Every structure is written in C-alpha cells, then in structure tokens.
Amino acid sequence: MNLDLQDKVIIVSGGAKGIGEAIAKLLTAEGAIAVIAGRNEADNLKTVQSIQAAGGKCLQVVAELTKPAECKKVIDETLNKFGRIDGLVNNAGINDGVGLEHGDYESFMASLHKNLVHYYLLAHYALPALKKSKGTIVNISSKTAETGQGGTSAYAASNGGRNALTREWAVELLKYGIRVNAVVVAESWTPLYEKWIHTLPDPAKKLKQITSKIPLENRMTTPEEIANTVAFLLSERSSHTTGQLVHVDGGYVHLDRALANA
C-alpha cells in the first residue's frame, strides 16, 4: 500500500534508537523526511547515515528534551530547514523505575520531564505549522498506564498522561483537521529492554517468562511492527481515525492470559 508520505516532514523524538529508529527508517523508506531529535549526537548521526545509505532523507537535531528551550529548538530548526511540519511522533522516554517506595519529589518530577512534559512542549511549539499542513500527531505510550507494573510510578503516570493528552488533543484540534492517535506498546525488544534484562540474574529465564505471557505467538513485538502502525496513522490512509489508543502488543493487554499457554 502506498501511504502517500512522499516528502512529508515528520519529527520523531528519540528517533536514533529502538522504536524511534524503526519509525524513522520506515518513514524514510516510504519517502518521508524524518527529523530525528535526541540528546546524543553520535547516536543521531549513526541513524542518519544508515538512512542516507538506503537513499532516505533526514535531518538530526541534538536536543535535551527535558529542557523547554531545546524542544523549541527542534521545531525551529525543522522549520528553518524545510519550512513545514507534516507530522510529529512523540516517542522519547525511559522506564526509569521511580516508584512510590523508592522515589522522591525530585526524581518523580524529573521522570515526568523525561517522559511526558516534552510530549506537550513539542506539540505546542509545532502546532502553528501543523495547523497549516493539517498534520498528524502520534504519541507512543506504554501498557504501564493501564496494567501497572510496580515500582515505576512516574513512568506509569507519564503514560497515563500520554493517553489522556492523545484524546484531549484529538478533541481540541478537530477544528484544524489535525488527527491525534497513540500507539500503546507492551513488550518490545529494544536496546534499552535488552540492557535491562541483562541486569537480571538469569536473563534467558526471565525473557522466557515474559514471552510466555504474550498471547500471539509467545514473542515480543518488534520495533518494526510498531513502526508499521505509526506510519499508517500518520498517513491519509487513516484519514478518519483520531483519538484512538491502538495497542500493538500481540494481545498482551486485552486477551485472556490463559490463551498464552493454550
């Protein structure tokens, strides 16, 4: 299916690694121009080089997204280079384990800035350009908002906020023809996930326990599968879809776990 994304300028926060990298690469393969926003220039450039080697078009902006001025810089540099913004993928964040028992005000607030506040700021600063293009926003979210996880209050709260903002913005931006949706992720194999699981005493055993609970095929969702849904939601092929929380998770959240062992 041709998604008609040719030359669409789409910002992907955290676009240098993991899910963000998969999204940026797929969008450029579809002919879009990806703007990769992230704090690590080396990581950004590595992904840029990979995209360009495959014939894609992209830009990287070094930005510490916990700082409001850096969020504005992402938008300003994109507009200075391309003069338009057609889409925004809010993706950057980390499950940093700031819990209720083992946490404090400072760490909780810092986590909100890592995981939620920049979603608002990037959308806020991009809005004038999105109004002109009748663009789209896709927020990447996590099942922790709906299922809980334990020991990660700030991340769960951030994802609850991401889901709520998705529907709030879908309502607020109806009059501009701007669609807003979220893709909710459960268990996906990313560099951060791999790093976390190797901190455990028996990584292989833990991974098997996790995948055994994923109903569809007892495997983790790939970043590319998430990227496929994001690209669809950014495209006019989903032209009457807004305010939706789309779970790309192999049935992890909504299907009976008994099915996983059937």
C-alpha atoms as a PDB file:
ATOM      1  CA  MET A   1       0.000   0.000   0.000  1.00  0.00           C
ATOM      2  CA  ASN A   2       1.302   3.433  -0.909  1.00  0.00           C
ATOM      3  CA  LEU A   3       0.961   5.584   2.207  1.00  0.00           C
ATOM      4  CA  ASP A   4       1.450   8.824   0.239  1.00  0.00           C
ATOM      5  CA  LEU A   5       4.091  10.089   2.666  1.00  0.00           C
ATOM      6  CA  GLN A   6       6.438  11.333  -0.051  1.00  0.00           C
ATOM      7  CA  ASP A   7       8.339  14.432   1.139  1.00  0.00           C
ATOM      8  CA  LYS A   8       6.227  14.775   4.292  1.00  0.00           C
ATOM      9  CA  VAL A   9       8.337  16.286   7.073  1.00  0.00           C
ATOM     10  CA  ILE A  10       7.859  14.244  10.246  1.00  0.00           C
ATOM     11  CA  ILE A  11       9.633  14.799  13.573  1.00  0.00           C
ATOM     12  CA  VAL A  12      10.480  11.680  15.585  1.00  0.00           C
ATOM     13  CA  SER A  13      11.655  12.337  19.131  1.00  0.00           C
ATOM     14  CA  GLY A  14      14.097   9.713  20.363  1.00  0.00           C
ATOM     15  CA  GLY A  15      14.456   8.693  16.727  1.00  0.00           C
ATOM     16  CA  ALA A  16      18.007   7.381  16.923  1.00  0.00           C
ATOM     17  CA  LYS A  17      17.427   4.096  18.743  1.00  0.00           C
ATOM     18  CA  GLY A  18      14.897   1.357  19.340  1.00  0.00           C
ATOM     19  CA  ILE A  19      11.296   2.071  18.406  1.00  0.00           C
ATOM     20  CA  GLY A  20      12.118   5.613  17.301  1.00  0.00           C
ATOM     21  CA  GLU A  21      14.844   4.392  14.965  1.00  0.00           C
ATOM     22  CA  ALA A  22      12.493   1.835  13.414  1.00  0.00           C
ATOM     23  CA  ILE A  23       9.886   4.565  12.882  1.00  0.00           C
ATOM     24  CA  ALA A  24      12.376   6.976  11.301  1.00  0.00           C
ATOM     25  CA  LYS A  25      13.730   4.301   8.954  1.00  0.00           C
ATOM     26  CA  LEU A  26      10.289   3.150   7.849  1.00  0.00           C
ATOM     27  CA  LEU A  27       9.058   6.692   7.250  1.00  0.00           C
ATOM     28  CA  THR A  28      12.060   7.495   5.074  1.00  0.00           C
ATOM     29  CA  ALA A  29      11.627   4.220   3.195  1.00  0.00           C
ATOM     30  CA  GLU A  30       8.102   5.474   2.431  1.00  0.00           C
ATOM     31  CA  GLY A  31       9.564   8.695   1.045  1.00  0.00           C
ATOM     32  CA  ALA A  32       9.039  10.946   4.050  1.00  0.00           C
ATOM     33  CA  ILE A  33      11.704  13.207   5.530  1.00  0.00           C
ATOM     34  CA  ALA A  34      12.442  12.209   9.126  1.00  0.00           C
ATOM     35  CA  VAL A  35      13.703  14.729  11.652  1.00  0.00           C
ATOM     36  CA  ILE A  36      15.481  12.798  14.398  1.00  0.00           C
ATOM     37  CA  ALA A  37      15.519  14.626  17.722  1.00  0.00           C
ATOM     38  CA  GLY A  38      17.692  13.248  20.512  1.00  0.00           C
ATOM     39  CA  ARG A  39      20.333  14.183  23.039  1.00  0.00           C
ATOM     40  CA  ASN A  40      23.187  12.032  21.734  1.00  0.00           C
ATOM     41  CA  GLU A  41      24.688  13.391  18.530  1.00  0.00           C
ATOM     42  CA  ALA A  42      26.688  10.231  17.824  1.00  0.00           C
ATOM     43  CA  ASP A  43      23.547   8.085  18.002  1.00  0.00           C
ATOM     44  CA  ASN A  44      21.627  10.574  15.874  1.00  0.00           C
ATOM     45  CA  LEU A  45      24.325  10.651  13.202  1.00  0.00           C
ATOM     46  CA  LYS A  46      24.626   6.867  13.113  1.00  0.00           C
ATOM     47  CA  THR A  47      20.937   6.568  12.261  1.00  0.00           C
ATOM     48  CA  VAL A  48      21.131   9.438   9.784  1.00  0.00           C
ATOM     49  CA  GLN A  49      23.997   7.714   7.981  1.00  0.00           C
ATOM     50  CA  SER A  50      22.064   4.446   7.851  1.00  0.00           C
ATOM     51  CA  ILE A  51      19.001   6.199   6.412  1.00  0.00           C
ATOM     52  CA  GLN A  52      21.011   8.135   3.847  1.00  0.00           C
ATOM     53  CA  ALA A  53      22.878   4.998   2.782  1.00  0.00           C
ATOM     54  CA  ALA A  54      19.483   3.466   1.979  1.00  0.00           C
ATOM     55  CA  GLY A  55      18.539   6.511  -0.099  1.00  0.00           C
ATOM     56  CA  GLY A  56      16.364   8.220   2.507  1.00  0.00           C
ATOM     57  CA  LYS A  57      16.180  11.873   3.515  1.00  0.00           C
ATOM     58  CA  CYS A  58      16.519  13.058   7.087  1.00  0.00           C
ATOM     59  CA  LEU A  59      17.793  15.675   9.492  1.00  0.00           C
ATOM     60  CA  GLN A  60      19.083  15.299  13.022  1.00  0.00           C
ATOM     61  CA  VAL A  61      18.715  17.849  15.816  1.00  0.00           C
ATOM     62  CA  VAL A  62      20.675  17.443  19.028  1.00  0.00           C
ATOM     63  CA  ALA A  63      18.283  18.301  21.844  1.00  0.00           C
ATOM     64  CA  GLU A  64      17.923  17.591  25.551  1.00  0.00           C
ATOM     65  CA  LEU A  65      14.141  17.348  25.543  1.00  0.00           C
ATOM     66  CA  THR A  66      13.787  17.822  29.298  1.00  0.00           C
ATOM     67  CA  LYS A  67      14.618  21.490  28.615  1.00  0.00           C
ATOM     68  CA  PRO A  68      11.774  23.578  27.112  1.00  0.00           C
ATOM     69  CA  ALA A  69      14.120  25.713  25.028  1.00  0.00           C
ATOM     70  CA  GLU A  70      15.583  22.570  23.442  1.00  0.00           C
ATOM     71  CA  CYS A  71      12.093  21.407  22.449  1.00  0.00           C
ATOM     72  CA  LYS A  72      11.521  24.732  20.741  1.00  0.00           C
ATOM     73  CA  LYS A  73      14.906  24.377  19.027  1.00  0.00           C
ATOM     74  CA  VAL A  74      13.773  21.124  17.415  1.00  0.00           C
ATOM     75  CA  ILE A  75      10.772  22.870  15.868  1.00  0.00           C
ATOM     76  CA  ASP A  76      12.713  25.970  14.855  1.00  0.00           C
ATOM     77  CA  GLU A  77      15.491  24.011  13.147  1.00  0.00           C
ATOM     78  CA  THR A  78      12.973  21.855  11.307  1.00  0.00           C
ATOM     79  CA  LEU A  79      11.109  24.893  10.004  1.00  0.00           C
ATOM     80  CA  ASN A  80      14.339  26.687   9.105  1.00  0.00           C
ATOM     81  CA  LYS A  81      15.416  23.690   7.026  1.00  0.00           C
ATOM     82  CA  PHE A  82      12.145  22.578   5.442  1.00  0.00           C
ATOM     83  CA  GLY A  83       9.593  25.345   6.038  1.00  0.00           C
ATOM     84  CA  ARG A  84       6.883  22.906   7.103  1.00  0.00           C
ATOM     85  CA  ILE A  85       5.956  20.140   9.529  1.00  0.00           C
ATOM     86  CA  ASP A  86       3.509  17.440   8.476  1.00  0.00           C
ATOM     87  CA  GLY A  87       3.714  15.106  11.436  1.00  0.00           C
ATOM     88  CA  LEU A  88       5.022  14.656  14.956  1.00  0.00           C
ATOM     89  CA  VAL A  89       5.848  11.347  16.605  1.00  0.00           C
ATOM     90  CA  ASN A  90       6.325  11.776  20.352  1.00  0.00           C
ATOM     91  CA  ASN A  91       8.412   8.770  21.288  1.00  0.00           C
ATOM     92  CA  ALA A  92      11.348   9.659  23.552  1.00  0.00           C
ATOM     93  CA  GLY A  93      11.283   8.353  27.100  1.00  0.00           C
ATOM     94  CA  ILE A  94      12.563   5.750  29.528  1.00  0.00           C
ATOM     95  CA  ASN A  95      11.105   3.444  32.140  1.00  0.00           C
ATOM     96  CA  ASP A  96      13.325   4.748  34.916  1.00  0.00           C
ATOM     97  CA  GLY A  97      11.895   2.887  37.891  1.00  0.00           C
ATOM     98  CA  VAL A  98      10.882   5.853  40.053  1.00  0.00           C
ATOM     99  CA  GLY A  99       8.463   4.131  42.409  1.00  0.00           C
ATOM    100  CA  LEU A 100       6.317   5.091  45.367  1.00  0.00           C
ATOM    101  CA  GLU A 101       8.517   3.391  47.964  1.00  0.00           C
ATOM    102  CA  HIS A 102      11.853   4.121  46.314  1.00  0.00           C
ATOM    103  CA  GLY A 103      11.491   7.619  44.987  1.00  0.00           C
ATOM    104  CA  ASP A 104      11.122  11.233  45.988  1.00  0.00           C
ATOM    105  CA  TYR A 105       9.708  14.502  44.709  1.00  0.00           C
ATOM    106  CA  GLU A 106      12.812  15.420  42.704  1.00  0.00           C
ATOM    107  CA  SER A 107      13.124  12.066  40.937  1.00  0.00           C
ATOM    108  CA  PHE A 108       9.382  11.888  40.276  1.00  0.00           C
ATOM    109  CA  MET A 109       9.304  15.336  38.686  1.00  0.00           C
ATOM    110  CA  ALA A 110      12.470  14.626  36.700  1.00  0.00           C
ATOM    111  CA  SER A 111      10.843  11.489  35.308  1.00  0.00           C
ATOM    112  CA  LEU A 112       7.773  13.428  34.215  1.00  0.00           C
ATOM    113  CA  HIS A 113      10.056  15.757  32.278  1.00  0.00           C
ATOM    114  CA  LYS A 114      11.850  12.787  30.688  1.00  0.00           C
ATOM    115  CA  ASN A 115       8.632  11.048  29.713  1.00  0.00           C
ATOM    116  CA  LEU A 116       5.685  13.431  29.444  1.00  0.00           C
ATOM    117  CA  VAL A 117       6.369  17.158  29.512  1.00  0.00           C
ATOM    118  CA  HIS A 118       8.273  17.199  26.217  1.00  0.00           C
ATOM    119  CA  TYR A 119       5.308  15.493  24.518  1.00  0.00           C
ATOM    120  CA  TYR A 120       3.303  18.611  25.361  1.00  0.00           C
ATOM    121  CA  LEU A 121       6.081  21.050  24.503  1.00  0.00           C
ATOM    122  CA  LEU A 122       6.912  19.595  21.089  1.00  0.00           C
ATOM    123  CA  ALA A 123       3.235  19.534  20.147  1.00  0.00           C
ATOM    124  CA  HIS A 124       2.761  23.073  21.477  1.00  0.00           C
ATOM    125  CA  TYR A 125       5.646  24.517  19.500  1.00  0.00           C
ATOM    126  CA  ALA A 126       4.809  22.507  16.360  1.00  0.00           C
ATOM    127  CA  LEU A 127       1.123  23.414  16.400  1.00  0.00           C
ATOM    128  CA  PRO A 128       1.213  26.513  14.166  1.00  0.00           C
ATOM    129  CA  ALA A 129       2.979  24.503  11.456  1.00  0.00           C
ATOM    130  CA  LEU A 130       0.673  21.501  11.936  1.00  0.00           C
ATOM    131  CA  LYS A 131      -2.340  23.790  11.516  1.00  0.00           C
ATOM    132  CA  LYS A 132      -1.008  24.905   8.136  1.00  0.00           C
ATOM    133  CA  SER A 133      -0.362  21.368   6.928  1.00  0.00           C
ATOM    134  CA  LYS A 134      -3.372  19.739   8.647  1.00  0.00           C
ATOM    135  CA  GLY A 135      -0.768  17.401  10.025  1.00  0.00           C
ATOM    136  CA  THR A 136      -0.932  14.467  12.379  1.00  0.00           C
ATOM    137  CA  ILE A 137       0.402  13.562  15.822  1.00  0.00           C
ATOM    138  CA  VAL A 138       1.173  10.062  17.048  1.00  0.00           C
ATOM    139  CA  ASN A 139       2.106   9.550  20.694  1.00  0.00           C
ATOM    140  CA  ILE A 140       3.960   6.392  21.699  1.00  0.00           C
ATOM    141  CA  SER A 141       2.620   5.105  25.005  1.00  0.00           C
ATOM    142  CA  SER A 142       3.037   2.089  27.263  1.00  0.00           C
ATOM    143  CA  LYS A 143       0.775  -0.544  28.775  1.00  0.00           C
ATOM    144  CA  THR A 144       2.004   0.520  32.226  1.00  0.00           C
ATOM    145  CA  ALA A 145      -0.698   3.223  32.175  1.00  0.00           C
ATOM    146  CA  GLU A 146      -3.390   0.549  32.033  1.00  0.00           C
ATOM    147  CA  THR A 147      -1.929  -2.514  33.712  1.00  0.00           C
ATOM    148  CA  GLY A 148       0.527  -1.084  36.197  1.00  0.00           C
ATOM    149  CA  GLN A 149       3.900  -2.713  36.649  1.00  0.00           C
ATOM    150  CA  GLY A 150       5.065  -1.982  40.167  1.00  0.00           C
ATOM    151  CA  GLY A 151       7.972   0.206  41.152  1.00  0.00           C
ATOM    152  CA  THR A 152       7.547   2.704  38.338  1.00  0.00           C
ATOM    153  CA  SER A 153       5.011   5.296  39.483  1.00  0.00           C
ATOM    154  CA  ALA A 154       6.450   8.156  37.452  1.00  0.00           C
ATOM    155  CA  TYR A 155       6.605   6.222  34.185  1.00  0.00           C
ATOM    156  CA  ALA A 156       3.090   4.857  34.655  1.00  0.00           C
ATOM    157  CA  ALA A 157       1.807   8.351  35.434  1.00  0.00           C
ATOM    158  CA  SER A 158       3.578   9.720  32.361  1.00  0.00           C
ATOM    159  CA  ASN A 159       1.938   7.147  30.134  1.00  0.00           C
ATOM    160  CA  GLY A 160      -1.444   7.821  31.666  1.00  0.00           C
ATOM    161  CA  GLY A 161      -0.782  11.434  30.741  1.00  0.00           C
ATOM    162  CA  ARG A 162       0.225  10.476  27.202  1.00  0.00           C
ATOM    163  CA  ASN A 163      -3.048   8.607  26.732  1.00  0.00           C
ATOM    164  CA  ALA A 164      -5.105  11.443  28.196  1.00  0.00           C
ATOM    165  CA  LEU A 165      -3.343  14.060  26.075  1.00  0.00           C
ATOM    166  CA  THR A 166      -3.978  11.969  22.965  1.00  0.00           C
ATOM    167  CA  ARG A 167      -7.724  12.197  23.446  1.00  0.00           C
ATOM    168  CA  GLU A 168      -7.651  15.769  24.722  1.00  0.00           C
ATOM    169  CA  TRP A 169      -5.674  16.954  21.708  1.00  0.00           C
ATOM    170  CA  ALA A 170      -7.862  14.967  19.326  1.00  0.00           C
ATOM    171  CA  VAL A 171     -10.817  16.962  20.646  1.00  0.00           C
ATOM    172  CA  GLU A 172      -9.058  20.333  20.758  1.00  0.00           C
ATOM    173  CA  LEU A 173      -7.588  20.012  17.277  1.00  0.00           C
ATOM    174  CA  LEU A 174     -10.650  18.693  15.440  1.00  0.00           C
ATOM    175  CA  LYS A 175     -11.389  22.164  14.135  1.00  0.00           C
ATOM    176  CA  TYR A 176      -7.994  22.273  12.410  1.00  0.00           C
ATOM    177  CA  GLY A 177      -8.302  18.856  10.802  1.00  0.00           C
ATOM    178  CA  ILE A 178      -5.368  17.584  12.872  1.00  0.00           C
ATOM    179  CA  ARG A 179      -5.657  13.927  13.852  1.00  0.00           C
ATOM    180  CA  VAL A 180      -4.072  12.634  17.073  1.00  0.00           C
ATOM    181  CA  ASN A 181      -3.649   8.970  17.996  1.00  0.00           C
ATOM    182  CA  ALA A 182      -1.455   6.851  20.253  1.00  0.00           C
ATOM    183  CA  VAL A 183       0.273   3.527  19.792  1.00  0.00           C
ATOM    184  CA  VAL A 184       0.430   1.611  23.059  1.00  0.00           C
ATOM    185  CA  VAL A 185       3.396  -0.720  23.442  1.00  0.00           C
ATOM    186  CA  ALA A 186       3.694  -3.641  25.864  1.00  0.00           C
ATOM    187  CA  GLU A 187       6.782  -5.832  25.467  1.00  0.00           C
ATOM    188  CA  SER A 188       9.086  -4.781  22.612  1.00  0.00           C
ATOM    189  CA  TRP A 189      12.719  -5.776  22.123  1.00  0.00           C
ATOM    190  CA  THR A 190      14.758  -2.570  22.093  1.00  0.00           C
ATOM    191  CA  PRO A 191      18.333  -1.737  23.169  1.00  0.00           C
ATOM    192  CA  LEU A 192      17.003  -0.370  26.476  1.00  0.00           C
ATOM    193  CA  TYR A 193      14.987  -3.530  27.074  1.00  0.00           C
ATOM    194  CA  GLU A 194      17.988  -5.703  26.279  1.00  0.00           C
ATOM    195  CA  LYS A 195      20.170  -3.649  28.628  1.00  0.00           C
ATOM    196  CA  TRP A 196      17.613  -4.006  31.427  1.00  0.00           C
ATOM    197  CA  ILE A 197      17.113  -7.743  31.079  1.00  0.00           C
ATOM    198  CA  HIS A 198      20.854  -8.367  31.230  1.00  0.00           C
ATOM    199  CA  THR A 199      20.971  -6.752  34.665  1.00  0.00           C
ATOM    200  CA  LEU A 200      18.952  -9.725  35.986  1.00  0.00           C
ATOM    201  CA  PRO A 201      20.457 -12.911  37.449  1.00  0.00           C
ATOM    202  CA  ASP A 202      19.086 -15.195  34.683  1.00  0.00           C
ATOM    203  CA  PRO A 203      18.163 -13.096  31.613  1.00  0.00           C
ATOM    204  CA  ALA A 204      17.179 -16.054  29.420  1.00  0.00           C
ATOM    205  CA  LYS A 205      14.797 -17.442  32.031  1.00  0.00           C
ATOM    206  CA  LYS A 206      13.209 -14.038  32.613  1.00  0.00           C
ATOM    207  CA  LEU A 207      12.765 -13.447  28.890  1.00  0.00           C
ATOM    208  CA  LYS A 208      11.060 -16.810  28.512  1.00  0.00           C
ATOM    209  CA  GLN A 209       8.708 -15.961  31.400  1.00  0.00           C
ATOM    210  CA  ILE A 210       7.790 -12.667  29.746  1.00  0.00           C
ATOM    211  CA  THR A 211       7.232 -14.011  26.239  1.00  0.00           C
ATOM    212  CA  SER A 212       5.168 -16.921  27.550  1.00  0.00           C
ATOM    213  CA  LYS A 213       2.568 -14.360  28.659  1.00  0.00           C
ATOM    214  CA  ILE A 214       2.216 -12.722  25.226  1.00  0.00           C
ATOM    215  CA  PRO A 215      -0.793 -14.443  23.614  1.00  0.00           C
ATOM    216  CA  LEU A 216       0.071 -14.026  19.926  1.00  0.00           C
ATOM    217  CA  GLU A 217       2.979 -16.321  19.071  1.00  0.00           C
ATOM    218  CA  ASN A 218       4.566 -16.022  22.543  1.00  0.00           C
ATOM    219  CA  ARG A 219       7.055 -13.446  21.316  1.00  0.00           C
ATOM    220  CA  MET A 220       7.872  -9.803  21.793  1.00  0.00           C
ATOM    221  CA  THR A 221       6.591  -7.130  19.463  1.00  0.00           C
ATOM    222  CA  THR A 222       9.288  -5.906  17.094  1.00  0.00           C
ATOM    223  CA  PRO A 223      10.002  -2.173  16.749  1.00  0.00           C
ATOM    224  CA  GLU A 224       9.250  -2.568  13.037  1.00  0.00           C
ATOM    225  CA  GLU A 225       5.725  -3.794  13.796  1.00  0.00           C
ATOM    226  CA  ILE A 226       5.148  -0.702  15.914  1.00  0.00           C
ATOM    227  CA  ALA A 227       6.604   1.478  13.152  1.00  0.00           C
ATOM    228  CA  ASN A 228       4.197  -0.003  10.608  1.00  0.00           C
ATOM    229  CA  THR A 229       1.193   1.123  12.657  1.00  0.00           C
ATOM    230  CA  VAL A 230       2.703   4.549  13.325  1.00  0.00           C
ATOM    231  CA  ALA A 231       3.265   5.126   9.608  1.00  0.00           C
ATOM    232  CA  PHE A 232      -0.336   4.143   8.858  1.00  0.00           C
ATOM    233  CA  LEU A 233      -1.668   6.543  11.492  1.00  0.00           C
ATOM    234  CA  LEU A 234       0.477   9.354  10.082  1.00  0.00           C
ATOM    235  CA  SER A 235      -0.827   8.742   6.588  1.00  0.00           C
ATOM    236  CA  GLU A 236      -4.068   9.710   4.892  1.00  0.00           C
ATOM    237  CA  ARG A 237      -4.885   6.001   4.722  1.00  0.00           C
ATOM    238  CA  SER A 238      -6.141   6.501   8.300  1.00  0.00           C
ATOM    239  CA  SER A 239      -7.915   9.738   7.406  1.00  0.00           C
ATOM    240  CA  HIS A 240     -10.952   9.158   9.669  1.00  0.00           C
ATOM    241  CA  THR A 241      -9.080   7.819  12.693  1.00  0.00           C
ATOM    242  CA  THR A 242      -8.448  10.129  15.638  1.00  0.00           C
ATOM    243  CA  GLY A 243      -8.418   9.932  19.417  1.00  0.00           C
ATOM    244  CA  GLN A 244      -7.546   6.241  19.370  1.00  0.00           C
ATOM    245  CA  LEU A 245      -5.235   4.230  21.616  1.00  0.00           C
ATOM    246  CA  VAL A 246      -4.028   1.475  19.305  1.00  0.00           C
ATOM    247  CA  HIS A 247      -2.421  -1.467  21.092  1.00  0.00           C
ATOM    248  CA  VAL A 248       0.354  -3.130  19.106  1.00  0.00           C
ATOM    249  CA  ASP A 249       1.216  -5.792  21.641  1.00  0.00           C
ATOM    250  CA  GLY A 250       0.320  -9.294  20.493  1.00  0.00           C
ATOM    251  CA  GLY A 251      -2.805  -9.179  22.665  1.00  0.00           C
ATOM    252  CA  TYR A 252      -0.802  -8.609  25.856  1.00  0.00           C
ATOM    253  CA  VAL A 253      -3.181  -6.120  27.462  1.00  0.00           C
ATOM    254  CA  HIS A 254      -6.619  -7.258  26.347  1.00  0.00           C
ATOM    255  CA  LEU A 255      -6.571 -11.002  25.704  1.00  0.00           C
ATOM    256  CA  ASP A 256      -7.007 -13.661  28.379  1.00  0.00           C
ATOM    257  CA  ARG A 257      -3.553 -14.730  29.563  1.00  0.00           C
ATOM    258  CA  ALA A 258      -4.788 -18.316  29.659  1.00  0.00           C
ATOM    259  CA  LEU A 259      -4.581 -18.213  25.853  1.00  0.00           C
ATOM    260  CA  ALA A 260      -0.834 -17.835  26.054  1.00  0.00           C
ATOM    261  CA  ASN A 261      -0.489 -21.414  27.276  1.00  0.00           C
ATOM    262  CA  ALA A 262      -3.273 -22.931  25.210  1.00  0.00           C
END
